[in-house]
N, C-alpha and C. Protein backbone atom coordinates (compact mmCIF):
# COMPACT_ATOMS: atom_id res chain seq x y z
N MET A 1 118.99 45.40 48.21
CA MET A 1 118.91 44.70 49.41
C MET A 1 120.18 43.71 49.36
N SER A 2 120.72 43.45 50.63
CA SER A 2 121.89 42.55 50.68
C SER A 2 121.41 41.14 50.46
N ASP A 3 122.25 40.36 49.70
CA ASP A 3 121.89 39.01 49.47
C ASP A 3 121.94 38.19 50.76
N ALA A 4 122.65 38.65 51.71
CA ALA A 4 122.65 37.86 53.03
C ALA A 4 121.37 37.90 53.69
N LEU A 5 120.68 38.97 53.58
CA LEU A 5 119.36 39.11 54.20
C LEU A 5 118.19 38.52 53.54
N VAL A 6 118.46 38.15 52.26
CA VAL A 6 117.22 37.56 51.46
C VAL A 6 117.39 36.09 51.54
N PRO A 7 116.20 35.45 52.02
CA PRO A 7 116.29 33.95 52.06
C PRO A 7 116.43 33.33 50.72
N HIS A 8 116.93 32.11 50.62
CA HIS A 8 117.21 31.51 49.37
C HIS A 8 115.99 31.08 48.53
N ASP A 9 114.88 30.89 49.33
CA ASP A 9 113.70 30.48 48.60
C ASP A 9 112.79 31.54 48.19
N THR A 10 113.25 32.84 48.25
CA THR A 10 112.45 34.00 47.82
C THR A 10 112.45 33.97 46.32
N PRO A 11 111.09 34.20 45.77
CA PRO A 11 111.02 34.25 44.30
C PRO A 11 111.76 35.44 43.71
N ALA A 12 112.15 35.38 42.51
CA ALA A 12 112.97 36.40 41.83
C ALA A 12 112.25 37.72 41.72
N ALA A 13 110.95 37.71 41.58
CA ALA A 13 110.17 38.90 41.51
C ALA A 13 110.23 39.72 42.81
N LEU A 14 110.35 39.05 43.91
CA LEU A 14 110.32 39.68 45.24
C LEU A 14 111.79 40.17 45.52
N GLN A 15 112.73 39.61 45.06
CA GLN A 15 114.12 39.94 45.34
C GLN A 15 114.54 41.29 44.93
N SER A 16 113.91 41.72 43.89
CA SER A 16 114.22 43.20 43.42
C SER A 16 113.49 44.16 44.14
N LEU A 17 112.59 43.94 45.02
CA LEU A 17 111.85 44.92 45.79
C LEU A 17 112.85 45.58 46.79
N ARG A 18 112.62 46.94 46.89
CA ARG A 18 113.37 47.71 47.88
C ARG A 18 112.41 48.39 48.80
N GLU A 19 112.86 48.75 50.02
CA GLU A 19 112.09 49.41 51.09
C GLU A 19 111.82 50.82 50.50
N LEU A 20 110.55 51.28 50.74
CA LEU A 20 110.13 52.55 50.38
C LEU A 20 110.86 53.62 51.37
N PRO A 21 111.27 54.78 50.73
CA PRO A 21 111.88 55.73 51.58
C PRO A 21 110.80 56.52 52.39
N LEU A 22 111.20 56.91 53.67
CA LEU A 22 110.25 57.56 54.55
C LEU A 22 110.15 58.99 54.13
N PRO A 23 109.01 59.56 54.25
CA PRO A 23 108.77 61.02 53.89
C PRO A 23 109.54 61.88 54.97
N ALA A 24 109.82 63.12 54.60
CA ALA A 24 110.51 64.14 55.36
C ALA A 24 109.69 64.28 56.68
N PRO A 25 110.28 64.56 57.76
CA PRO A 25 109.53 64.76 58.97
C PRO A 25 108.71 66.10 58.84
N VAL A 26 107.49 66.05 59.42
CA VAL A 26 106.57 67.11 59.43
C VAL A 26 107.09 68.21 60.30
N SER A 27 107.12 69.43 59.81
CA SER A 27 107.50 70.60 60.54
C SER A 27 106.46 71.07 61.53
N TYR A 28 106.92 71.46 62.73
CA TYR A 28 105.93 72.07 63.77
C TYR A 28 105.70 73.51 63.51
N ALA A 29 106.43 74.09 62.61
CA ALA A 29 106.21 75.47 62.32
C ALA A 29 104.92 75.75 61.61
N PRO A 30 104.15 76.74 61.84
CA PRO A 30 102.91 77.02 61.21
C PRO A 30 103.10 77.16 59.70
N GLN A 31 102.15 76.56 58.92
CA GLN A 31 102.35 76.59 57.53
C GLN A 31 101.80 77.90 56.94
N THR A 32 100.93 78.63 57.63
CA THR A 32 100.37 79.84 57.08
C THR A 32 100.65 81.01 58.02
N ILE A 33 100.57 82.31 57.47
CA ILE A 33 100.97 83.35 58.31
C ILE A 33 99.80 83.65 59.32
N GLY A 34 98.57 83.19 59.11
CA GLY A 34 97.49 83.40 60.14
C GLY A 34 97.80 82.77 61.53
N TRP A 35 98.46 81.56 61.43
CA TRP A 35 98.73 80.94 62.65
C TRP A 35 99.90 81.67 63.48
N VAL A 36 100.76 82.37 62.71
CA VAL A 36 101.77 83.17 63.37
C VAL A 36 101.07 84.32 64.05
N PHE A 37 100.16 84.94 63.39
CA PHE A 37 99.43 86.08 63.95
C PHE A 37 98.65 85.63 65.28
N VAL A 38 98.02 84.42 65.17
CA VAL A 38 97.37 83.83 66.36
C VAL A 38 98.27 83.71 67.53
N ALA A 39 99.39 83.13 67.25
CA ALA A 39 100.42 82.85 68.25
C ALA A 39 100.89 84.16 68.85
N VAL A 40 101.24 85.11 68.07
CA VAL A 40 101.66 86.47 68.58
C VAL A 40 100.52 87.09 69.42
N LEU A 41 99.26 86.95 69.00
CA LEU A 41 98.20 87.55 69.71
C LEU A 41 98.07 86.84 71.03
N LEU A 42 98.14 85.55 71.12
CA LEU A 42 97.95 84.72 72.38
C LEU A 42 99.09 85.10 73.34
N VAL A 43 100.29 85.29 72.83
CA VAL A 43 101.42 85.67 73.69
C VAL A 43 101.21 87.03 74.22
N ALA A 44 100.66 87.90 73.42
CA ALA A 44 100.42 89.33 73.84
C ALA A 44 99.35 89.40 74.91
N ILE A 45 98.30 88.59 74.71
CA ILE A 45 97.17 88.48 75.75
C ILE A 45 97.73 87.97 77.02
N ALA A 46 98.56 86.92 77.00
CA ALA A 46 99.19 86.31 78.10
C ALA A 46 100.04 87.28 78.93
N LEU A 47 100.85 88.15 78.10
CA LEU A 47 101.71 89.14 78.79
C LEU A 47 100.85 90.28 79.45
N VAL A 48 99.86 90.74 78.73
CA VAL A 48 98.93 91.71 79.37
C VAL A 48 98.29 91.17 80.61
N ALA A 49 97.81 89.98 80.53
CA ALA A 49 97.10 89.38 81.68
C ALA A 49 98.08 89.22 82.89
N ALA A 50 99.32 88.81 82.64
CA ALA A 50 100.25 88.78 83.63
C ALA A 50 100.62 90.08 84.25
N TRP A 51 100.73 91.03 83.39
CA TRP A 51 101.06 92.43 83.93
C TRP A 51 99.92 92.94 84.77
N LEU A 52 98.64 92.85 84.32
CA LEU A 52 97.46 93.22 85.11
C LEU A 52 97.46 92.53 86.47
N ALA A 53 97.70 91.28 86.44
CA ALA A 53 97.75 90.49 87.79
C ALA A 53 98.82 90.95 88.67
N TRP A 54 99.93 91.33 88.09
CA TRP A 54 101.00 91.82 88.92
C TRP A 54 100.64 93.23 89.49
N ARG A 55 100.09 94.15 88.72
CA ARG A 55 99.55 95.38 89.17
C ARG A 55 98.60 95.24 90.31
N ALA A 56 97.64 94.35 90.13
CA ALA A 56 96.58 94.11 91.25
C ALA A 56 97.27 93.61 92.40
N HIS A 57 98.17 92.70 92.29
CA HIS A 57 99.01 92.23 93.55
C HIS A 57 99.69 93.37 94.13
N GLU A 58 100.34 94.21 93.43
CA GLU A 58 101.10 95.35 93.99
C GLU A 58 100.19 96.37 94.66
N ARG A 59 98.93 96.61 93.99
CA ARG A 59 98.07 97.59 94.58
C ARG A 59 97.53 97.08 95.94
N SER A 60 97.49 95.75 96.10
CA SER A 60 96.90 95.32 97.39
C SER A 60 98.01 94.93 98.36
N ARG A 61 99.22 95.41 98.16
CA ARG A 61 100.26 95.15 99.07
C ARG A 61 100.00 95.76 100.51
N TYR A 62 99.40 96.98 100.39
CA TYR A 62 99.13 97.60 101.75
C TYR A 62 98.15 96.82 102.56
N ARG A 63 97.24 96.03 101.91
CA ARG A 63 96.34 95.23 102.65
C ARG A 63 97.08 94.05 103.29
N ARG A 64 97.92 93.38 102.59
CA ARG A 64 98.71 92.23 103.11
C ARG A 64 99.57 92.72 104.31
N GLU A 65 100.19 93.78 104.21
CA GLU A 65 101.08 94.33 105.24
C GLU A 65 100.20 94.69 106.47
N ALA A 66 99.05 95.32 106.25
CA ALA A 66 98.15 95.65 107.38
C ALA A 66 97.64 94.40 108.04
N LEU A 67 97.25 93.42 107.33
CA LEU A 67 96.71 92.17 107.85
C LEU A 67 97.91 91.46 108.71
N ALA A 68 99.03 91.58 108.14
CA ALA A 68 100.24 90.96 108.95
C ALA A 68 100.48 91.68 110.31
N GLU A 69 100.33 93.06 110.20
CA GLU A 69 100.47 93.85 111.40
C GLU A 69 99.32 93.54 112.36
N LEU A 70 98.14 93.37 111.86
CA LEU A 70 97.00 93.05 112.74
C LEU A 70 97.12 91.65 113.33
N ALA A 71 97.75 90.74 112.65
CA ALA A 71 98.02 89.37 113.26
C ALA A 71 99.06 89.56 114.42
N ARG A 72 99.99 90.42 114.22
CA ARG A 72 100.98 90.65 115.27
C ARG A 72 100.31 91.26 116.50
N ILE A 73 99.43 92.23 116.23
CA ILE A 73 98.61 92.81 117.38
C ILE A 73 97.75 91.81 118.01
N GLU A 74 97.07 90.87 117.22
CA GLU A 74 96.24 89.92 117.78
C GLU A 74 96.91 89.03 118.79
N THR A 75 98.18 88.79 118.45
CA THR A 75 98.94 87.84 119.41
C THR A 75 99.14 88.54 120.77
N LYS A 76 99.35 89.87 120.69
CA LYS A 76 99.55 90.69 121.97
C LYS A 76 98.24 90.80 122.75
N LEU A 77 97.07 90.62 122.10
CA LEU A 77 95.76 90.75 122.86
C LEU A 77 95.56 89.56 123.75
N GLY A 78 96.13 88.44 123.50
CA GLY A 78 96.06 87.22 124.43
C GLY A 78 96.52 87.47 125.72
N GLU A 79 97.48 88.38 125.95
CA GLU A 79 98.01 88.52 127.33
C GLU A 79 97.39 89.72 127.90
N LYS A 80 97.03 89.63 129.19
CA LYS A 80 96.31 90.68 129.85
C LYS A 80 97.28 91.88 130.02
N ALA A 81 98.62 91.71 130.20
CA ALA A 81 99.49 92.77 130.51
C ALA A 81 99.63 93.69 129.13
N THR A 82 99.58 93.04 128.00
CA THR A 82 99.84 93.77 126.76
C THR A 82 98.46 94.18 125.97
N ARG A 83 97.31 93.77 126.49
CA ARG A 83 96.09 93.96 125.83
C ARG A 83 95.85 95.43 125.59
N ALA A 84 96.05 96.28 126.61
CA ALA A 84 95.75 97.67 126.40
C ALA A 84 96.57 98.35 125.39
N SER A 85 97.88 98.04 125.28
CA SER A 85 98.76 98.64 124.27
C SER A 85 98.35 98.04 122.90
N ALA A 86 97.94 96.75 122.81
CA ALA A 86 97.60 96.23 121.51
C ALA A 86 96.23 96.85 121.01
N LEU A 87 95.37 97.09 121.95
CA LEU A 87 94.07 97.75 121.57
C LEU A 87 94.34 99.10 121.05
N ALA A 88 95.27 99.83 121.66
CA ALA A 88 95.48 101.19 121.23
C ALA A 88 96.20 101.13 119.82
N GLU A 89 96.83 100.12 119.33
CA GLU A 89 97.44 100.07 118.07
C GLU A 89 96.51 99.79 116.88
N ILE A 90 95.28 99.34 117.17
CA ILE A 90 94.40 98.97 116.13
C ILE A 90 93.84 100.11 115.35
N ALA A 91 93.45 101.21 116.08
CA ALA A 91 92.83 102.42 115.33
C ALA A 91 93.95 103.02 114.40
N PRO A 92 95.10 103.29 114.90
CA PRO A 92 96.13 103.87 114.02
C PRO A 92 96.42 103.01 112.70
N LEU A 93 96.33 101.67 112.98
CA LEU A 93 96.56 100.74 111.85
C LEU A 93 95.40 100.88 110.77
N ILE A 94 94.24 101.04 111.23
CA ILE A 94 93.10 101.18 110.27
C ILE A 94 93.21 102.55 109.62
N LYS A 95 93.67 103.51 110.40
CA LYS A 95 93.82 104.84 109.76
C LYS A 95 94.91 104.86 108.68
N ARG A 96 96.06 104.19 109.00
CA ARG A 96 97.08 104.10 107.97
C ARG A 96 96.62 103.39 106.75
N THR A 97 95.84 102.30 107.02
CA THR A 97 95.35 101.51 105.84
C THR A 97 94.45 102.33 104.99
N ALA A 98 93.64 103.10 105.59
CA ALA A 98 92.70 103.96 104.88
C ALA A 98 93.52 105.05 104.14
N LEU A 99 94.49 105.61 104.71
CA LEU A 99 95.34 106.54 104.03
C LEU A 99 96.13 106.06 102.85
N ALA A 100 96.49 104.75 102.96
CA ALA A 100 97.09 104.09 101.83
C ALA A 100 96.27 103.82 100.63
N ALA A 101 94.89 103.76 100.91
CA ALA A 101 93.95 103.43 99.85
C ALA A 101 93.17 104.59 99.30
N ALA A 102 92.92 105.66 100.05
CA ALA A 102 92.11 106.80 99.68
C ALA A 102 92.93 108.05 99.66
N PRO A 103 92.53 109.02 98.98
CA PRO A 103 93.17 110.30 98.92
C PRO A 103 93.22 110.93 100.39
N ARG A 104 94.33 111.37 100.73
CA ARG A 104 94.65 112.01 102.07
C ARG A 104 93.56 112.97 102.48
N GLU A 105 93.18 113.81 101.56
CA GLU A 105 92.18 114.85 101.90
C GLU A 105 90.80 114.27 102.36
N HIS A 106 90.50 113.08 101.88
CA HIS A 106 89.25 112.43 102.26
C HIS A 106 89.26 111.82 103.62
N VAL A 107 90.51 111.41 104.00
CA VAL A 107 90.56 110.52 105.22
C VAL A 107 91.23 111.16 106.44
N ALA A 108 92.20 111.95 106.19
CA ALA A 108 93.12 112.39 107.36
C ALA A 108 92.29 113.09 108.39
N ALA A 109 91.40 113.93 108.01
CA ALA A 109 90.78 114.89 109.07
C ALA A 109 89.60 114.10 109.77
N LEU A 110 89.21 112.90 109.29
CA LEU A 110 88.09 112.23 109.88
C LEU A 110 88.45 111.68 111.33
N SER A 111 87.41 111.81 112.22
CA SER A 111 87.52 111.34 113.60
C SER A 111 86.16 111.16 114.24
N GLY A 112 86.04 110.36 115.27
CA GLY A 112 84.88 110.15 115.96
C GLY A 112 83.83 109.58 115.02
N PRO A 113 82.57 110.11 115.12
CA PRO A 113 81.47 109.60 114.35
C PRO A 113 81.55 109.65 112.79
N SER A 114 82.24 110.75 112.36
CA SER A 114 82.45 110.82 110.79
C SER A 114 83.52 109.74 110.40
N TRP A 115 84.51 109.37 111.18
CA TRP A 115 85.39 108.22 110.97
C TRP A 115 84.70 107.02 110.83
N LEU A 116 83.82 106.58 111.80
CA LEU A 116 83.07 105.48 111.87
C LEU A 116 82.07 105.43 110.75
N ALA A 117 81.55 106.51 110.33
CA ALA A 117 80.60 106.53 109.19
C ALA A 117 81.37 106.26 107.86
N TYR A 118 82.65 106.74 107.80
CA TYR A 118 83.44 106.39 106.73
C TYR A 118 83.82 104.94 106.51
N LEU A 119 84.10 104.35 107.76
CA LEU A 119 84.38 102.87 107.79
C LEU A 119 83.13 102.07 107.45
N LYS A 120 81.98 102.51 107.72
CA LYS A 120 80.79 101.82 107.42
C LYS A 120 80.54 101.93 105.95
N LYS A 121 80.70 103.16 105.43
CA LYS A 121 80.39 103.41 104.09
C LYS A 121 81.37 102.54 103.16
N THR A 122 82.71 102.48 103.40
CA THR A 122 83.60 101.78 102.58
C THR A 122 83.57 100.28 102.66
N HIS A 123 82.90 99.79 103.69
CA HIS A 123 82.72 98.33 103.65
C HIS A 123 81.52 97.97 104.56
N GLY A 124 81.32 98.58 105.70
CA GLY A 124 80.15 98.22 106.54
C GLY A 124 80.44 97.14 107.71
N ALA A 125 81.66 96.78 107.86
CA ALA A 125 82.01 95.77 108.83
C ALA A 125 81.94 96.32 110.25
N PHE A 126 82.05 97.57 110.47
CA PHE A 126 81.92 98.17 111.79
C PHE A 126 80.54 98.45 112.19
N ASP A 127 80.00 97.66 113.16
CA ASP A 127 78.68 97.99 113.63
C ASP A 127 78.86 99.01 114.85
N ASP A 128 77.73 99.34 115.62
CA ASP A 128 77.78 100.29 116.59
C ASP A 128 78.72 99.85 117.72
N GLU A 129 78.73 98.43 118.01
CA GLU A 129 79.47 97.95 119.09
C GLU A 129 81.03 98.02 118.90
N SER A 130 81.38 97.49 117.64
CA SER A 130 82.78 97.58 117.33
C SER A 130 83.28 98.95 117.01
N GLY A 131 82.40 99.81 116.55
CA GLY A 131 82.78 101.25 116.39
C GLY A 131 83.03 101.89 117.70
N ALA A 132 82.17 101.60 118.64
CA ALA A 132 82.38 102.13 120.02
C ALA A 132 83.70 101.60 120.60
N LEU A 133 84.01 100.38 120.38
CA LEU A 133 85.23 99.77 120.86
C LEU A 133 86.41 100.47 120.16
N LEU A 134 86.29 100.66 118.86
CA LEU A 134 87.40 101.34 118.24
C LEU A 134 87.73 102.70 118.73
N TYR A 135 86.53 103.35 118.92
CA TYR A 135 86.60 104.76 119.53
C TYR A 135 87.36 104.73 120.88
N THR A 136 86.81 103.78 121.73
CA THR A 136 87.33 103.61 123.04
C THR A 136 88.83 103.33 123.05
N ALA A 137 89.21 102.40 122.14
CA ALA A 137 90.66 101.98 121.93
C ALA A 137 91.43 103.11 121.44
N SER A 138 90.83 104.02 120.72
CA SER A 138 91.70 105.21 120.24
C SER A 138 91.92 106.26 121.25
N TYR A 139 90.94 106.54 122.08
CA TYR A 139 91.07 107.81 122.89
C TYR A 139 90.95 107.51 124.36
N ALA A 140 90.57 106.39 124.80
CA ALA A 140 90.47 106.13 126.31
C ALA A 140 91.80 105.90 127.04
N PRO A 141 91.84 106.25 128.24
CA PRO A 141 93.12 105.99 128.95
C PRO A 141 93.35 104.57 129.22
N ARG A 142 94.57 104.21 129.42
CA ARG A 142 94.94 102.82 129.53
C ARG A 142 94.16 102.02 130.60
N GLU A 143 93.90 102.68 131.68
CA GLU A 143 93.07 102.03 132.67
C GLU A 143 91.78 101.56 132.28
N ARG A 144 91.06 102.35 131.40
CA ARG A 144 89.85 102.03 130.82
C ARG A 144 90.01 100.82 129.79
N LEU A 145 91.00 100.88 129.06
CA LEU A 145 91.28 99.78 128.07
C LEU A 145 91.48 98.41 128.71
N ALA A 146 92.00 98.43 129.99
CA ALA A 146 92.21 97.22 130.68
C ALA A 146 90.87 96.48 131.06
N GLY A 147 89.75 97.24 131.04
CA GLY A 147 88.41 96.74 131.31
C GLY A 147 87.80 96.04 130.07
N ILE A 148 88.39 96.12 128.86
CA ILE A 148 87.80 95.50 127.74
C ILE A 148 88.17 93.95 127.72
N THR A 149 87.13 93.16 127.58
CA THR A 149 87.39 91.73 127.74
C THR A 149 87.97 91.17 126.40
N GLN A 150 88.50 89.92 126.56
CA GLN A 150 89.11 89.22 125.47
C GLN A 150 88.06 89.08 124.30
N GLN A 151 86.84 88.74 124.59
CA GLN A 151 85.82 88.53 123.47
C GLN A 151 85.52 89.91 122.80
N GLN A 152 85.45 91.04 123.50
CA GLN A 152 85.33 92.26 122.90
C GLN A 152 86.48 92.66 121.95
N ALA A 153 87.72 92.36 122.45
CA ALA A 153 88.88 92.58 121.67
C ALA A 153 88.91 91.85 120.41
N GLN A 154 88.45 90.56 120.52
CA GLN A 154 88.45 89.65 119.36
C GLN A 154 87.33 90.14 118.37
N ARG A 155 86.24 90.70 118.88
CA ARG A 155 85.31 91.25 117.90
C ARG A 155 85.84 92.46 117.13
N LEU A 156 86.55 93.29 117.87
CA LEU A 156 87.16 94.45 117.25
C LEU A 156 88.21 94.06 116.25
N VAL A 157 89.07 93.02 116.48
CA VAL A 157 90.01 92.55 115.68
C VAL A 157 89.35 91.95 114.44
N GLN A 158 88.32 91.22 114.62
CA GLN A 158 87.54 90.67 113.51
C GLN A 158 87.02 91.72 112.62
N ALA A 159 86.33 92.71 113.15
CA ALA A 159 85.90 93.86 112.33
C ALA A 159 86.95 94.51 111.61
N ALA A 160 88.13 94.70 112.24
CA ALA A 160 89.22 95.44 111.58
C ALA A 160 89.82 94.58 110.50
N ARG A 161 89.93 93.28 110.67
CA ARG A 161 90.37 92.33 109.69
C ARG A 161 89.47 92.29 108.52
N ASP A 162 88.08 92.30 108.70
CA ASP A 162 87.19 92.25 107.68
C ASP A 162 87.20 93.62 106.84
N TRP A 163 87.39 94.71 107.61
CA TRP A 163 87.46 95.97 106.86
C TRP A 163 88.71 96.12 106.03
N ILE A 164 89.87 95.66 106.62
CA ILE A 164 91.05 95.79 105.90
C ILE A 164 91.10 94.85 104.71
N GLY A 165 90.55 93.71 104.78
CA GLY A 165 90.46 92.79 103.63
C GLY A 165 89.50 93.12 102.56
N HIS A 166 88.40 93.82 102.88
CA HIS A 166 87.33 94.01 101.95
C HIS A 166 87.01 95.42 101.62
N HIS A 167 87.64 96.36 102.16
CA HIS A 167 87.09 97.68 101.93
C HIS A 167 87.26 98.14 100.53
N HIS A 168 86.34 98.95 100.04
CA HIS A 168 86.38 99.51 98.61
C HIS A 168 86.24 101.01 98.80
N VAL A 169 87.32 101.67 98.38
CA VAL A 169 87.42 103.16 98.48
C VAL A 169 87.12 103.73 97.01
N GLU A 170 86.14 104.63 97.15
CA GLU A 170 85.84 105.36 95.84
C GLU A 170 86.78 106.57 95.80
N VAL A 171 87.52 106.64 94.73
CA VAL A 171 88.46 107.69 94.45
C VAL A 171 87.84 108.78 93.58
């Protein structure tokens, strides 16, 4: 210790004391191989979970795109002049969505009551009224579509949104 730092009245026994050296810093690296295996396992689990989440996100892309198109159609339903053409777009949108989710041979040939039964079976959102509206919107002439009220159109859009968002297709 430097003499300049030691007070003059310090006893001689204490003047020879020196500060203890600090121990080496503790390493953050695992000390045993078991912790390395645990870390590798946790990283592998995180990577697999991220990959599965990405796959699920990609598999449901068709739903997000269909819901976005349905929202665009819904804005056109608010105006009387474009309501008939917007109603006519709903059935093809649902058919394209079903074709994206299910094998083509199960869905492509369906129409009329068998199509409505398929929609009910895969989720059940379409009741008899919304099914009849869907059928009318698919095949009726434009003059008849003009007679569909805003409330009926909104019920059809709600049934379509519910089906697109929640259908479960057995492959």
